[in-house]
Amino acid sequence: MKALVLCALLVPAIAYADPLDPANFYVRAGVALIDPLSTSKPMELADVDGPASLALKNGPIVGSGASVDSATVPAIIIGYRLPYLHRRLSLETILGLPFTVKFKATGTLANDSIAPTALGIPTGVGPLGPDLGQASAAPLTLSLLYSFLDTGRLRPYAGGGAAVLVAFNAKATNKMLTEVSQPEMSIAPAPGLLFQAGLDVQLYKKWYARLDVKFIAFMEANAEVHHIQVRTPEIPLFDTVEIGTAKMSVMVNPLIIQAGIGADF
């Protein structure tokens, strides 16, 4: 008899804690605004030699900088409620199509020539302008959230986790940098710390609307552009000059605001 009573008590508990219970999953589909709160270090030149060394030197370009444009993309939140604390804890990630990240030049990099003269002779090299390059990107996120309420129509939550920005198909798009040849551009994966908060609003039974806000801190994108060649129309001996490698370090720090509708399963 005692064994039967014990089994009667354990069976519901085990069923409740079953991590494969499909009712513990949820999906919210919608759109996300990704707004980088970007700052940058000055662009640095490296591997400058030969004729280019007459007008340039290795090191940072004083007053230069770069920024990253915002983007709006379709995105899906997928979550799983953990069998702890009355299922108020959940793990979440985002699925979305890769989007285009555009890098813009700022300061002296955009407005002044990086090599106005060589040995006192004008080079004819003008300012770069705002356009630098672009890449396809996908932010990978994983967060642990705590829901302050487990019942009711309004369910606020907050939490945090980790994220990494993976970029691929990077290329320079500046007309001056690509006039002679296409330089090679690469961007290293950029990890960061994720902070998240939001609100689920019950619409009907298992259907919910969501407003979600994420901020990713300490996400630094490091880009390099190799084998840059530029035309020097005012120097008769050198029609084009290779100026080496340019390095950019942009603290991206994106703010992600997402709205969507979905269901619990």
Protein backbone atom coordinates (compact mmCIF):
# COMPACT_ATOMS: atom_id res chain seq x y z
CA MET A 1 0.00 0.00 0.00
CA LYS A 2 2.81 2.43 0.89
CA ALA A 3 4.46 1.69 -2.46
CA LEU A 4 1.24 2.50 -4.31
CA VAL A 5 0.83 5.77 -2.43
CA LEU A 6 4.45 6.72 -3.20
CA CYS A 7 3.97 5.96 -6.88
CA ALA A 8 0.78 8.04 -6.93
CA LEU A 9 2.76 10.99 -5.56
CA LEU A 10 5.78 10.59 -7.82
CA VAL A 11 4.06 10.11 -11.18
CA PRO A 12 2.57 13.65 -11.38
CA ALA A 13 5.85 15.17 -10.21
CA ILE A 14 7.85 13.34 -12.85
CA ALA A 15 5.36 14.31 -15.55
CA TYR A 16 5.57 17.94 -14.44
CA ALA A 17 9.36 17.97 -14.63
CA ASP A 18 9.61 16.18 -17.97
CA PRO A 19 11.93 18.45 -20.04
CA LEU A 20 10.54 17.01 -23.26
CA ASP A 21 6.96 18.08 -22.51
CA PRO A 22 5.99 19.98 -25.72
CA ALA A 23 3.73 22.32 -23.73
CA ASN A 24 6.87 23.95 -22.37
CA PHE A 25 7.96 25.40 -25.73
CA TYR A 26 6.89 28.75 -27.14
CA VAL A 27 7.42 30.76 -30.33
CA ARG A 28 7.06 34.48 -31.01
CA ALA A 29 7.40 35.63 -34.65
CA GLY A 30 7.73 39.25 -35.72
CA VAL A 31 10.21 41.94 -36.70
CA ALA A 32 13.29 43.23 -34.91
CA LEU A 33 14.94 46.64 -35.11
CA ILE A 34 18.69 46.34 -34.61
CA ASP A 35 20.13 49.74 -33.70
CA PRO A 36 23.89 49.71 -33.01
CA LEU A 37 24.94 52.26 -30.37
CA SER A 38 28.36 52.25 -31.97
CA THR A 39 31.62 53.95 -31.08
CA SER A 40 35.00 53.27 -32.63
CA LYS A 41 38.71 53.62 -32.28
CA PRO A 42 40.64 55.50 -35.01
CA MET A 43 41.33 53.49 -38.14
CA GLU A 44 44.88 52.12 -38.16
CA LEU A 45 47.16 51.56 -41.13
CA ALA A 46 49.65 48.69 -41.23
CA ASP A 47 52.15 47.23 -43.73
CA VAL A 48 52.73 50.64 -45.32
CA ASP A 49 55.93 50.48 -47.42
CA GLY A 50 57.32 51.40 -50.82
CA PRO A 51 55.95 54.53 -52.54
CA ALA A 52 53.02 54.70 -50.10
CA SER A 53 55.45 55.40 -47.24
CA LEU A 54 56.18 58.79 -48.84
CA ALA A 55 52.68 59.95 -47.90
CA LEU A 56 51.51 57.57 -45.17
CA LYS A 57 52.83 55.90 -42.06
CA ASN A 58 51.77 52.96 -39.94
CA GLY A 59 49.49 53.73 -37.01
CA PRO A 60 46.14 55.40 -36.31
CA ILE A 61 44.65 58.08 -38.55
CA VAL A 62 44.00 60.98 -36.19
CA GLY A 63 40.33 61.98 -35.97
CA SER A 64 39.10 59.03 -37.99
CA GLY A 65 36.35 56.61 -37.02
CA ALA A 66 33.64 54.26 -38.22
CA SER A 67 30.04 53.46 -37.40
CA VAL A 68 27.50 50.73 -38.19
CA ASP A 69 24.05 51.31 -39.73
CA SER A 70 20.81 50.05 -38.17
CA ALA A 71 18.68 47.30 -39.75
CA THR A 72 15.12 45.93 -39.52
CA VAL A 73 14.75 42.17 -40.03
CA PRO A 74 12.15 39.41 -39.58
CA ALA A 75 12.98 37.27 -36.54
CA ILE A 76 11.56 34.41 -34.50
CA ILE A 77 12.03 33.90 -30.76
CA ILE A 78 12.11 30.27 -29.66
CA GLY A 79 11.95 29.48 -25.94
CA TYR A 80 11.78 26.55 -23.55
CA ARG A 81 10.48 26.79 -20.00
CA LEU A 82 12.68 24.93 -17.56
CA PRO A 83 11.05 22.63 -14.96
CA TYR A 84 12.08 24.82 -12.01
CA LEU A 85 10.53 27.64 -9.95
CA HIS A 86 7.03 26.89 -11.25
CA ARG A 87 8.40 27.10 -14.80
CA ARG A 88 9.28 30.76 -14.44
CA LEU A 89 12.78 30.13 -15.81
CA SER A 90 13.22 29.78 -19.56
CA LEU A 91 15.94 29.55 -22.18
CA GLU A 92 15.57 31.63 -25.35
CA THR A 93 17.28 32.15 -28.67
CA ILE A 94 16.55 34.07 -31.87
CA LEU A 95 16.26 32.68 -35.39
CA GLY A 96 16.41 35.09 -38.28
CA LEU A 97 17.65 35.59 -41.81
CA PRO A 98 21.14 37.11 -42.16
CA PHE A 99 21.01 40.86 -42.65
CA THR A 100 23.39 43.39 -44.19
CA VAL A 101 25.68 45.35 -41.89
CA LYS A 102 27.00 48.56 -43.45
CA PHE A 103 30.15 50.25 -42.15
CA LYS A 104 30.37 54.03 -42.51
CA ALA A 105 33.44 56.25 -42.28
CA THR A 106 33.31 59.18 -39.85
CA GLY A 107 35.53 62.16 -38.97
CA THR A 108 38.69 62.78 -40.95
CA LEU A 109 38.42 59.36 -42.61
CA ALA A 110 35.29 60.50 -44.44
CA ASN A 111 36.06 64.20 -44.93
CA ASP A 112 39.84 64.51 -45.45
CA SER A 113 42.32 62.85 -47.78
CA ILE A 114 44.34 60.16 -46.02
CA ALA A 115 47.31 61.04 -48.27
CA PRO A 116 47.02 64.62 -49.56
CA THR A 117 50.73 64.99 -50.44
CA ALA A 118 53.87 62.92 -50.98
CA LEU A 119 57.15 64.77 -50.36
CA GLY A 120 55.19 68.00 -50.69
CA ILE A 121 53.64 67.03 -54.03
CA PRO A 122 49.82 66.77 -54.20
CA THR A 123 48.70 63.20 -54.81
CA GLY A 124 45.20 63.88 -56.07
CA VAL A 125 43.80 61.37 -53.52
CA GLY A 126 40.53 62.79 -52.24
CA PRO A 127 38.41 62.04 -49.15
CA LEU A 128 36.90 58.58 -48.90
CA GLY A 129 33.37 59.78 -48.18
CA PRO A 130 30.99 57.97 -45.81
CA ASP A 131 30.80 54.56 -47.51
CA LEU A 132 33.31 51.93 -46.32
CA GLY A 133 32.06 48.37 -46.66
CA GLN A 134 29.41 45.84 -45.83
CA ALA A 135 28.92 42.25 -44.69
CA SER A 136 26.17 39.71 -44.11
CA ALA A 137 25.67 39.12 -40.40
CA ALA A 138 23.72 36.92 -38.01
CA PRO A 139 23.58 37.49 -34.25
CA LEU A 140 23.55 34.24 -32.25
CA THR A 141 21.99 34.64 -28.79
CA LEU A 142 21.18 32.50 -25.78
CA SER A 143 19.49 33.99 -22.72
CA LEU A 144 18.14 32.76 -19.39
CA LEU A 145 14.94 34.58 -18.41
CA TYR A 146 12.84 34.82 -15.25
CA SER A 147 9.11 35.48 -15.53
CA PHE A 148 7.82 37.51 -12.59
CA LEU A 149 4.32 36.00 -12.97
CA ASP A 150 3.35 32.48 -14.03
CA THR A 151 -0.37 33.22 -14.45
CA GLY A 152 -2.48 36.10 -15.71
CA ARG A 153 -2.73 38.01 -18.98
CA LEU A 154 0.41 40.10 -18.39
CA ARG A 155 3.73 38.30 -17.90
CA PRO A 156 6.78 40.57 -17.54
CA TYR A 157 10.23 38.97 -17.62
CA ALA A 158 13.92 39.86 -17.47
CA GLY A 159 17.24 38.10 -17.74
CA GLY A 160 20.52 37.92 -19.56
CA GLY A 161 22.94 35.72 -21.44
CA ALA A 162 25.53 35.77 -24.20
CA ALA A 163 25.61 36.71 -27.87
CA VAL A 164 28.04 36.62 -30.76
CA LEU A 165 27.85 38.48 -34.07
CA VAL A 166 29.02 36.28 -36.95
CA ALA A 167 29.83 38.17 -40.18
CA PHE A 168 30.56 36.73 -43.62
CA ASN A 169 30.77 37.83 -47.27
CA ALA A 170 32.50 41.02 -46.15
CA LYS A 171 33.59 43.39 -48.90
CA ALA A 172 34.77 46.97 -49.34
CA THR A 173 32.21 49.13 -51.16
CA ASN A 174 34.00 52.50 -51.18
CA LYS A 175 34.46 53.71 -54.77
CA MET A 176 37.97 54.98 -54.18
CA LEU A 177 39.13 51.78 -52.46
CA THR A 178 37.68 49.56 -55.19
CA GLU A 179 38.52 51.68 -58.26
CA VAL A 180 41.80 49.87 -58.98
CA SER A 181 41.03 46.43 -57.55
CA GLN A 182 38.79 44.76 -54.97
CA PRO A 183 40.63 44.58 -51.62
CA GLU A 184 40.10 41.69 -49.21
CA MET A 185 37.91 42.44 -46.17
CA SER A 186 37.38 40.22 -43.15
CA ILE A 187 35.50 40.62 -39.85
CA ALA A 188 36.22 38.49 -36.78
CA PRO A 189 33.32 37.06 -34.70
CA ALA A 190 32.24 39.59 -32.05
CA PRO A 191 31.04 38.21 -28.68
CA GLY A 192 29.10 40.22 -26.11
CA LEU A 193 26.98 40.13 -22.95
CA LEU A 194 23.19 40.19 -23.44
CA PHE A 195 20.66 41.93 -21.18
CA GLN A 196 16.97 41.36 -21.88
CA ALA A 197 13.53 42.39 -20.64
CA GLY A 198 10.03 42.38 -22.04
CA LEU A 199 6.35 41.61 -21.68
CA ASP A 200 4.07 38.81 -22.91
CA VAL A 201 0.38 39.75 -23.24
CA GLN A 202 -2.17 36.94 -23.53
CA LEU A 203 -4.47 37.44 -26.52
CA TYR A 204 -6.50 34.23 -26.55
CA LYS A 205 -5.81 30.94 -24.76
CA LYS A 206 -2.23 29.99 -25.79
CA TRP A 207 -1.71 32.96 -28.10
CA TYR A 208 0.47 35.86 -26.93
CA ALA A 209 1.81 39.18 -28.17
CA ARG A 210 5.29 40.19 -27.10
CA LEU A 211 7.40 43.31 -26.83
CA ASP A 212 11.05 42.43 -26.21
CA VAL A 213 14.13 44.61 -25.66
CA LYS A 214 17.72 43.35 -25.75
CA PHE A 215 20.98 45.20 -25.25
CA ILE A 216 24.28 43.55 -26.10
CA ALA A 217 27.26 45.12 -24.34
CA PHE A 218 31.02 44.82 -25.02
CA MET A 219 30.42 43.60 -28.60
CA GLU A 220 33.49 44.75 -30.53
CA ALA A 221 33.69 44.12 -34.27
CA ASN A 222 37.26 44.02 -35.61
CA ALA A 223 37.57 44.38 -39.38
CA GLU A 224 40.62 44.36 -41.64
CA VAL A 225 40.96 45.40 -45.27
CA HIS A 226 44.04 44.02 -47.05
CA HIS A 227 45.81 44.93 -50.32
CA ILE A 228 44.29 48.39 -50.72
CA GLN A 229 45.32 50.17 -53.91
CA VAL A 230 44.37 53.74 -54.78
CA ARG A 231 44.86 55.88 -57.85
CA THR A 232 47.24 58.88 -57.53
CA PRO A 233 46.39 61.04 -60.54
CA GLU A 234 48.67 63.98 -59.62
CA ILE A 235 51.88 61.93 -59.33
CA PRO A 236 53.20 61.14 -62.83
CA LEU A 237 55.60 58.34 -61.77
CA PHE A 238 52.94 56.32 -59.94
CA ASP A 239 49.52 55.82 -61.48
CA THR A 240 48.42 53.62 -58.55
CA VAL A 241 49.88 52.91 -55.12
CA GLU A 242 49.25 50.05 -52.69
CA ILE A 243 48.79 51.49 -49.21
CA GLY A 244 48.79 48.23 -47.22
CA THR A 245 46.21 47.19 -44.62
CA ALA A 246 43.49 49.16 -42.82
CA LYS A 247 42.20 47.99 -39.43
CA MET A 248 38.89 49.09 -37.88
CA SER A 249 37.63 48.38 -34.37
CA VAL A 250 33.97 49.27 -33.79
CA MET A 251 32.19 48.77 -30.47
CA VAL A 252 28.79 47.79 -31.90
CA ASN A 253 26.65 47.47 -28.71
CA PRO A 254 23.33 46.84 -30.50
CA LEU A 255 19.94 47.67 -29.02
CA ILE A 256 17.39 45.14 -30.37
CA ILE A 257 13.68 45.94 -30.11
CA GLN A 258 11.37 43.15 -31.25
CA ALA A 259 7.59 42.86 -31.50
CA GLY A 260 5.81 39.65 -32.36
CA ILE A 261 2.93 37.24 -31.92
CA GLY A 262 3.08 33.54 -31.19
CA ALA A 263 1.83 30.60 -29.19
CA ASP A 264 2.79 28.21 -26.42
CA PHE A 265 3.03 24.55 -27.36
